């Protein structure tokens, strides 16, 4: 199982990190949701916390959209 965070923007999806624990991933996700650069950039449309299992299926655990 892999936990990771992806950004969504005009160019597609970008993986910004992989994490060993759910707590670590949630903490990083919250920090990025409140990061001034992400909030003000204008090109980043959202963040997604996902879990990928060993078979390759992806489950979205959290989503944040920037206005």
C-alpha atoms as a PDB file:
ATOM      1  CA  UNK A   1       0.000   0.000   0.000  1.00  0.00           C
ATOM      2  CA  UNK A   2       1.267   3.447  -0.950  1.00  0.00           C
ATOM      3  CA  UNK A   3      -0.034   6.786   0.308  1.00  0.00           C
ATOM      4  CA  UNK A   4       0.676   9.812  -1.847  1.00  0.00           C
ATOM      5  CA  UNK A   5      -0.401  13.352  -2.625  1.00  0.00           C
ATOM      6  CA  UNK A   6      -1.013  14.648  -6.138  1.00  0.00           C
ATOM      7  CA  UNK A   7      -1.643  18.145  -7.425  1.00  0.00           C
ATOM      8  CA  UNK A   8      -4.089  18.819 -10.249  1.00  0.00           C
ATOM      9  CA  UNK A   9      -3.407  21.691 -12.620  1.00  0.00           C
ATOM     10  CA  UNK A  10      -3.688  22.679 -16.278  1.00  0.00           C
ATOM     11  CA  UNK A  11      -0.865  20.285 -17.200  1.00  0.00           C
ATOM     12  CA  UNK A  12      -2.279  17.213 -15.461  1.00  0.00           C
ATOM     13  CA  UNK A  13      -1.464  15.433 -12.218  1.00  0.00           C
ATOM     14  CA  UNK A  14       1.854  15.644 -10.381  1.00  0.00           C
ATOM     15  CA  UNK A  15       2.898  13.377  -7.523  1.00  0.00           C
ATOM     16  CA  UNK A  16       4.309  15.615  -4.778  1.00  0.00           C
ATOM     17  CA  UNK A  17       5.171  12.940  -2.235  1.00  0.00           C
ATOM     18  CA  UNK A  18       4.786   9.410  -0.918  1.00  0.00           C
ATOM     19  CA  UNK A  19       4.312   8.617   2.752  1.00  0.00           C
ATOM     20  CA  UNK A  20       4.777   5.649   5.070  1.00  0.00           C
ATOM     21  CA  UNK A  21       1.842   6.326   7.386  1.00  0.00           C
ATOM     22  CA  UNK A  22      -1.635   7.766   7.063  1.00  0.00           C
ATOM     23  CA  UNK A  23      -0.943  10.268   9.855  1.00  0.00           C
ATOM     24  CA  UNK A  24       2.154  11.556   8.046  1.00  0.00           C
ATOM     25  CA  UNK A  25       0.237  11.812   4.766  1.00  0.00           C
ATOM     26  CA  UNK A  26      -2.705  13.647   6.379  1.00  0.00           C
ATOM     27  CA  UNK A  27      -0.365  16.111   8.071  1.00  0.00           C
ATOM     28  CA  UNK A  28       1.422  16.880   4.784  1.00  0.00           C
ATOM     29  CA  UNK A  29      -1.929  17.192   2.988  1.00  0.00           C
ATOM     30  CA  UNK A  30      -3.187  19.737   5.539  1.00  0.00           C
ATOM     31  CA  UNK A  31       0.053  21.714   5.290  1.00  0.00           C
ATOM     32  CA  UNK A  32      -0.180  21.881   1.490  1.00  0.00           C
ATOM     33  CA  UNK A  33      -3.871  22.870   1.608  1.00  0.00           C
ATOM     34  CA  UNK A  34      -2.876  25.882   3.714  1.00  0.00           C
ATOM     35  CA  UNK A  35       0.361  26.702   1.899  1.00  0.00           C
ATOM     36  CA  UNK A  36       0.237  30.307   0.584  1.00  0.00           C
ATOM     37  CA  UNK A  37       1.986  29.393  -2.667  1.00  0.00           C
ATOM     38  CA  UNK A  38      -0.569  26.704  -3.555  1.00  0.00           C
ATOM     39  CA  UNK A  39      -3.455  28.946  -2.458  1.00  0.00           C
ATOM     40  CA  UNK A  40      -2.304  31.979  -4.505  1.00  0.00           C
ATOM     41  CA  UNK A  41      -0.596  30.383  -7.498  1.00  0.00           C
ATOM     42  CA  UNK A  42      -3.767  30.182  -9.596  1.00  0.00           C
ATOM     43  CA  UNK A  43      -2.605  27.267 -11.746  1.00  0.00           C
ATOM     44  CA  UNK A  44      -2.932  24.550  -9.077  1.00  0.00           C
ATOM     45  CA  UNK A  45      -6.604  23.607  -8.997  1.00  0.00           C
ATOM     46  CA  UNK A  46      -6.578  20.957  -6.298  1.00  0.00           C
ATOM     47  CA  UNK A  47      -4.810  18.435  -4.101  1.00  0.00           C
ATOM     48  CA  UNK A  48      -5.651  14.776  -3.695  1.00  0.00           C
ATOM     49  CA  UNK A  49      -4.571  12.309  -1.002  1.00  0.00           C
ATOM     50  CA  UNK A  50      -4.659   8.815  -2.467  1.00  0.00           C
ATOM     51  CA  UNK A  51      -3.964   5.263  -1.414  1.00  0.00           C
ATOM     52  CA  UNK A  52      -2.721   2.746  -3.981  1.00  0.00           C
ATOM     53  CA  UNK A  53      -2.927  -0.934  -3.074  1.00  0.00           C
ATOM     54  CA  UNK A  54      -0.578  -3.691  -4.231  1.00  0.00           C
ATOM     55  CA  UNK A  55      -2.898  -4.563  -7.135  1.00  0.00           C
ATOM     56  CA  UNK A  56      -2.650  -0.978  -8.434  1.00  0.00           C
ATOM     57  CA  UNK A  57      -6.155   0.240  -7.648  1.00  0.00           C
ATOM     58  CA  UNK A  58      -6.388   3.811  -6.366  1.00  0.00           C
ATOM     59  CA  UNK A  59      -8.695   5.123  -3.645  1.00  0.00           C
ATOM     60  CA  UNK A  60      -9.114   8.852  -2.976  1.00  0.00           C
ATOM     61  CA  UNK A  61      -8.940   9.539   0.749  1.00  0.00           C
ATOM     62  CA  UNK A  62      -9.197  13.336   0.636  1.00  0.00           C
ATOM     63  CA  UNK A  63      -9.631  16.153  -1.901  1.00  0.00           C
ATOM     64  CA  UNK A  64      -9.110  19.905  -1.633  1.00  0.00           C
ATOM     65  CA  UNK A  65     -10.067  22.385  -4.363  1.00  0.00           C
ATOM     66  CA  UNK A  66      -8.441  25.810  -4.561  1.00  0.00           C
ATOM     67  CA  UNK A  67     -10.727  28.730  -5.431  1.00  0.00           C
END
